[in-house]
Amino acid sequence: MSQNYNIACNSQTPSNILSKIWNDENTDVRIAVARNFHTPVNILILLSTDEDCFVRASVARNFHTPANILMNLSTDEDWYVRQVVSENPYCPASILNNLSINEN
């Protein structure tokens, strides 16, 4: 793995460093940044539109992802992203209700 991956995985990495490596070409780095609790909300917003569904799912998994981003991810084309939204303990009931009526 790359050095940026190790940095992104470290729970002590400050947000200003995560802000510098969030758009790494390596998908694993972007996933690790999306999962890190110190990742700033503006970076989570950018990662929520990543082309890779596992990056978007990692944003959905982050407890600091705002409800409006969880709402957007709850309509993601990929079922796995929607599933991870439903598993986030901070997901609002209104989003869970919408997900419960989704046929997938």
N, C-alpha and C. Protein backbone atom coordinates (compact mmCIF):
# COMPACT_ATOMS: atom_id res chain seq x y z
N MET A 1 0.83 -1.20 0.00
CA MET A 1 0.00 0.00 0.00
C MET A 1 0.87 1.25 0.00
N SER A 2 0.27 2.32 -0.42
CA SER A 2 1.00 3.58 -0.52
C SER A 2 1.07 4.28 0.84
N GLN A 3 1.97 5.21 0.93
CA GLN A 3 2.11 6.00 2.15
C GLN A 3 0.83 6.79 2.42
N ASN A 4 0.19 7.32 1.37
CA ASN A 4 -1.06 8.06 1.57
C ASN A 4 -2.14 7.18 2.17
N TYR A 5 -2.14 5.89 1.81
CA TYR A 5 -3.12 4.97 2.39
C TYR A 5 -2.89 4.86 3.89
N ASN A 6 -1.67 4.67 4.30
CA ASN A 6 -1.36 4.56 5.72
C ASN A 6 -1.72 5.83 6.47
N ILE A 7 -1.47 6.96 5.86
CA ILE A 7 -1.81 8.25 6.47
C ILE A 7 -3.33 8.36 6.62
N ALA A 8 -4.05 8.01 5.57
CA ALA A 8 -5.52 8.12 5.59
C ALA A 8 -6.15 7.18 6.62
N CYS A 9 -5.53 6.03 6.84
CA CYS A 9 -6.06 5.06 7.81
C CYS A 9 -5.79 5.44 9.26
N ASN A 10 -4.84 6.31 9.47
CA ASN A 10 -4.45 6.68 10.83
C ASN A 10 -5.51 7.57 11.46
N SER A 11 -6.04 7.15 12.58
CA SER A 11 -7.11 7.92 13.25
C SER A 11 -6.60 9.23 13.83
N GLN A 12 -5.30 9.43 13.86
CA GLN A 12 -4.73 10.67 14.39
C GLN A 12 -4.35 11.67 13.30
N THR A 13 -4.58 11.31 12.04
CA THR A 13 -4.24 12.22 10.95
C THR A 13 -5.14 13.44 11.00
N PRO A 14 -4.54 14.63 11.02
CA PRO A 14 -5.36 15.85 11.08
C PRO A 14 -6.13 16.09 9.78
N SER A 15 -7.21 16.82 9.92
CA SER A 15 -8.08 17.08 8.78
C SER A 15 -7.38 17.83 7.65
N ASN A 16 -6.44 18.70 7.97
CA ASN A 16 -5.76 19.45 6.89
C ASN A 16 -4.92 18.52 6.00
N ILE A 17 -4.42 17.43 6.55
CA ILE A 17 -3.66 16.47 5.73
C ILE A 17 -4.63 15.62 4.91
N LEU A 18 -5.73 15.22 5.52
CA LEU A 18 -6.74 14.45 4.78
C LEU A 18 -7.27 15.27 3.61
N SER A 19 -7.36 16.57 3.80
CA SER A 19 -7.84 17.46 2.74
C SER A 19 -6.87 17.52 1.56
N LYS A 20 -5.62 17.16 1.79
CA LYS A 20 -4.63 17.19 0.72
C LYS A 20 -4.58 15.88 -0.07
N ILE A 21 -5.02 14.79 0.55
CA ILE A 21 -4.86 13.48 -0.12
C ILE A 21 -6.18 12.85 -0.54
N TRP A 22 -7.29 13.52 -0.34
CA TRP A 22 -8.61 12.94 -0.59
C TRP A 22 -8.83 12.53 -2.05
N ASN A 23 -8.17 13.20 -2.97
CA ASN A 23 -8.41 12.91 -4.39
C ASN A 23 -7.28 12.07 -5.00
N ASP A 24 -6.64 11.27 -4.18
CA ASP A 24 -5.58 10.37 -4.66
C ASP A 24 -6.16 9.46 -5.75
N GLU A 25 -5.34 9.11 -6.72
CA GLU A 25 -5.82 8.22 -7.80
C GLU A 25 -6.10 6.81 -7.31
N ASN A 26 -5.52 6.42 -6.18
CA ASN A 26 -5.71 5.09 -5.61
C ASN A 26 -7.06 5.05 -4.88
N THR A 27 -7.91 4.17 -5.31
CA THR A 27 -9.24 4.04 -4.71
C THR A 27 -9.17 3.72 -3.23
N ASP A 28 -8.22 2.88 -2.83
CA ASP A 28 -8.10 2.52 -1.42
C ASP A 28 -7.79 3.73 -0.54
N VAL A 29 -7.04 4.67 -1.05
CA VAL A 29 -6.75 5.90 -0.31
C VAL A 29 -8.03 6.70 -0.13
N ARG A 30 -8.80 6.85 -1.20
CA ARG A 30 -10.05 7.61 -1.12
C ARG A 30 -11.03 6.94 -0.16
N ILE A 31 -11.07 5.61 -0.16
CA ILE A 31 -11.93 4.88 0.77
C ILE A 31 -11.50 5.17 2.21
N ALA A 32 -10.20 5.11 2.47
CA ALA A 32 -9.70 5.35 3.82
C ALA A 32 -9.96 6.79 4.27
N VAL A 33 -9.83 7.75 3.36
CA VAL A 33 -10.14 9.14 3.70
C VAL A 33 -11.63 9.26 4.03
N ALA A 34 -12.47 8.63 3.23
CA ALA A 34 -13.92 8.71 3.46
C ALA A 34 -14.32 8.09 4.80
N ARG A 35 -13.59 7.12 5.27
CA ARG A 35 -13.90 6.46 6.54
C ARG A 35 -13.33 7.19 7.76
N ASN A 36 -12.35 8.03 7.55
CA ASN A 36 -11.67 8.68 8.67
C ASN A 36 -12.59 9.72 9.32
N PHE A 37 -12.68 9.66 10.64
CA PHE A 37 -13.57 10.57 11.37
C PHE A 37 -13.11 12.02 11.36
N HIS A 38 -11.86 12.25 10.97
CA HIS A 38 -11.35 13.62 10.93
C HIS A 38 -11.50 14.26 9.55
N THR A 39 -12.05 13.54 8.61
CA THR A 39 -12.23 14.10 7.27
C THR A 39 -13.27 15.22 7.33
N PRO A 40 -12.92 16.39 6.84
CA PRO A 40 -13.87 17.51 6.86
C PRO A 40 -15.11 17.22 6.02
N VAL A 41 -16.21 17.81 6.42
CA VAL A 41 -17.49 17.60 5.73
C VAL A 41 -17.39 17.98 4.26
N ASN A 42 -16.69 19.05 3.93
CA ASN A 42 -16.61 19.45 2.52
C ASN A 42 -15.92 18.37 1.68
N ILE A 43 -15.00 17.62 2.27
CA ILE A 43 -14.34 16.54 1.55
C ILE A 43 -15.29 15.34 1.45
N LEU A 44 -16.05 15.06 2.50
CA LEU A 44 -17.04 13.98 2.44
C LEU A 44 -18.06 14.26 1.33
N ILE A 45 -18.44 15.50 1.20
CA ILE A 45 -19.38 15.88 0.14
C ILE A 45 -18.79 15.57 -1.24
N LEU A 46 -17.53 15.93 -1.43
CA LEU A 46 -16.87 15.65 -2.71
C LEU A 46 -16.74 14.14 -2.95
N LEU A 47 -16.37 13.40 -1.93
CA LEU A 47 -16.21 11.96 -2.06
C LEU A 47 -17.55 11.24 -2.27
N SER A 48 -18.64 11.87 -1.85
CA SER A 48 -19.95 11.23 -2.01
C SER A 48 -20.38 11.12 -3.48
N THR A 49 -19.65 11.80 -4.35
CA THR A 49 -19.95 11.71 -5.78
C THR A 49 -18.84 10.97 -6.54
N ASP A 50 -17.97 10.29 -5.81
CA ASP A 50 -16.88 9.54 -6.44
C ASP A 50 -17.44 8.50 -7.39
N GLU A 51 -16.68 8.19 -8.44
CA GLU A 51 -17.13 7.20 -9.42
C GLU A 51 -17.17 5.79 -8.83
N ASP A 52 -16.40 5.53 -7.79
CA ASP A 52 -16.32 4.20 -7.20
C ASP A 52 -17.37 4.03 -6.10
N CYS A 53 -18.17 2.97 -6.21
CA CYS A 53 -19.26 2.77 -5.25
C CYS A 53 -18.72 2.49 -3.84
N PHE A 54 -17.54 1.93 -3.72
CA PHE A 54 -16.99 1.65 -2.39
C PHE A 54 -16.52 2.92 -1.69
N VAL A 55 -16.12 3.91 -2.45
CA VAL A 55 -15.80 5.21 -1.87
C VAL A 55 -17.09 5.85 -1.36
N ARG A 56 -18.13 5.84 -2.19
CA ARG A 56 -19.42 6.42 -1.78
C ARG A 56 -19.97 5.69 -0.56
N ALA A 57 -19.84 4.38 -0.54
CA ALA A 57 -20.31 3.59 0.61
C ALA A 57 -19.52 3.95 1.87
N SER A 58 -18.25 4.23 1.71
CA SER A 58 -17.44 4.63 2.87
C SER A 58 -17.87 5.98 3.42
N VAL A 59 -18.29 6.87 2.54
CA VAL A 59 -18.85 8.15 3.00
C VAL A 59 -20.14 7.87 3.78
N ALA A 60 -20.96 6.98 3.27
CA ALA A 60 -22.22 6.64 3.95
C ALA A 60 -21.97 6.01 5.31
N ARG A 61 -20.86 5.34 5.47
CA ARG A 61 -20.51 4.66 6.72
C ARG A 61 -19.99 5.64 7.77
N ASN A 62 -19.46 6.78 7.34
CA ASN A 62 -18.85 7.74 8.26
C ASN A 62 -19.93 8.40 9.12
N PHE A 63 -19.74 8.34 10.43
CA PHE A 63 -20.73 8.89 11.37
C PHE A 63 -20.86 10.41 11.28
N HIS A 64 -19.90 11.08 10.65
CA HIS A 64 -19.94 12.53 10.52
C HIS A 64 -20.55 13.02 9.21
N THR A 65 -20.99 12.09 8.39
CA THR A 65 -21.61 12.49 7.12
C THR A 65 -22.97 13.14 7.42
N PRO A 66 -23.18 14.35 6.92
CA PRO A 66 -24.44 15.06 7.18
C PRO A 66 -25.65 14.34 6.57
N ALA A 67 -26.80 14.58 7.18
CA ALA A 67 -28.04 13.93 6.75
C ALA A 67 -28.36 14.21 5.28
N ASN A 68 -28.09 15.42 4.81
CA ASN A 68 -28.42 15.71 3.40
C ASN A 68 -27.58 14.88 2.44
N ILE A 69 -26.36 14.54 2.82
CA ILE A 69 -25.53 13.69 1.98
C ILE A 69 -26.00 12.24 2.08
N LEU A 70 -26.40 11.82 3.28
CA LEU A 70 -26.97 10.48 3.42
C LEU A 70 -28.23 10.36 2.57
N MET A 71 -29.02 11.44 2.51
CA MET A 71 -30.22 11.44 1.68
C MET A 71 -29.86 11.23 0.22
N ASN A 72 -28.86 11.95 -0.26
CA ASN A 72 -28.42 11.77 -1.65
C ASN A 72 -27.92 10.35 -1.90
N LEU A 73 -27.15 9.83 -0.96
CA LEU A 73 -26.60 8.48 -1.13
C LEU A 73 -27.69 7.41 -1.01
N SER A 74 -28.79 7.73 -0.35
CA SER A 74 -29.87 6.75 -0.20
C SER A 74 -30.59 6.47 -1.51
N THR A 75 -30.33 7.30 -2.51
CA THR A 75 -30.90 7.08 -3.84
C THR A 75 -29.82 6.68 -4.85
N ASP A 76 -28.67 6.29 -4.34
CA ASP A 76 -27.56 5.90 -5.21
C ASP A 76 -27.98 4.75 -6.11
N GLU A 77 -27.41 4.70 -7.30
CA GLU A 77 -27.73 3.62 -8.25
C GLU A 77 -27.24 2.26 -7.77
N ASP A 78 -26.25 2.25 -6.89
CA ASP A 78 -25.67 1.00 -6.41
C ASP A 78 -26.35 0.56 -5.11
N TRP A 79 -26.84 -0.68 -5.09
CA TRP A 79 -27.56 -1.19 -3.92
C TRP A 79 -26.68 -1.22 -2.68
N TYR A 80 -25.38 -1.48 -2.84
CA TYR A 80 -24.49 -1.56 -1.69
C TYR A 80 -24.39 -0.22 -0.97
N VAL A 81 -24.33 0.86 -1.71
CA VAL A 81 -24.27 2.19 -1.11
C VAL A 81 -25.54 2.44 -0.31
N ARG A 82 -26.67 2.11 -0.88
CA ARG A 82 -27.95 2.29 -0.17
C ARG A 82 -27.99 1.45 1.09
N GLN A 83 -27.47 0.24 1.01
CA GLN A 83 -27.44 -0.65 2.20
C GLN A 83 -26.60 -0.02 3.31
N VAL A 84 -25.45 0.51 2.97
CA VAL A 84 -24.58 1.10 3.98
C VAL A 84 -25.22 2.34 4.59
N VAL A 85 -25.94 3.11 3.80
CA VAL A 85 -26.69 4.26 4.35
C VAL A 85 -27.62 3.76 5.45
N SER A 86 -28.33 2.68 5.18
CA SER A 86 -29.30 2.16 6.16
C SER A 86 -28.62 1.64 7.42
N GLU A 87 -27.35 1.30 7.35
CA GLU A 87 -26.62 0.78 8.51
C GLU A 87 -25.99 1.88 9.36
N ASN A 88 -25.97 3.10 8.86
CA ASN A 88 -25.39 4.21 9.62
C ASN A 88 -26.32 4.54 10.79
N PRO A 89 -25.83 4.42 12.04
CA PRO A 89 -26.70 4.65 13.19
C PRO A 89 -27.20 6.09 13.31
N TYR A 90 -26.61 7.01 12.56
CA TYR A 90 -27.04 8.40 12.59
C TYR A 90 -27.93 8.76 11.40
N CYS A 91 -28.34 7.75 10.67
CA CYS A 91 -29.22 7.98 9.53
C CYS A 91 -30.62 8.36 10.05
N PRO A 92 -31.15 9.49 9.62
CA PRO A 92 -32.48 9.91 10.08
C PRO A 92 -33.57 8.91 9.70
N ALA A 93 -34.60 8.86 10.53
CA ALA A 93 -35.72 7.93 10.32
C ALA A 93 -36.40 8.17 8.97
N SER A 94 -36.47 9.41 8.53
CA SER A 94 -37.13 9.69 7.25
C SER A 94 -36.41 9.01 6.08
N ILE A 95 -35.09 8.97 6.15
CA ILE A 95 -34.31 8.31 5.11
C ILE A 95 -34.51 6.80 5.20
N LEU A 96 -34.50 6.27 6.41
CA LEU A 96 -34.74 4.84 6.60
C LEU A 96 -36.11 4.44 6.08
N ASN A 97 -37.09 5.30 6.30
CA ASN A 97 -38.44 5.03 5.81
C ASN A 97 -38.44 4.96 4.28
N ASN A 98 -37.76 5.92 3.65
CA ASN A 98 -37.68 5.91 2.17
C ASN A 98 -36.98 4.65 1.67
N LEU A 99 -35.93 4.26 2.36
CA LEU A 99 -35.21 3.05 1.95
C LEU A 99 -36.07 1.79 2.14
N SER A 100 -36.90 1.80 3.14
CA SER A 100 -37.71 0.60 3.42
C SER A 100 -38.76 0.33 2.35
N ILE A 101 -39.12 1.34 1.59
CA ILE A 101 -40.12 1.13 0.54
C ILE A 101 -39.47 0.93 -0.83
N ASN A 102 -38.12 0.96 -0.85
CA ASN A 102 -37.39 0.68 -2.09
C ASN A 102 -37.44 -0.81 -2.36
N GLU A 103 -37.81 -1.19 -3.55
CA GLU A 103 -37.96 -2.61 -3.88
C GLU A 103 -36.66 -3.38 -3.82
N ASN A 104 -35.51 -2.70 -3.88
CA ASN A 104 -34.22 -3.37 -3.78
C ASN A 104 -33.73 -3.40 -2.37
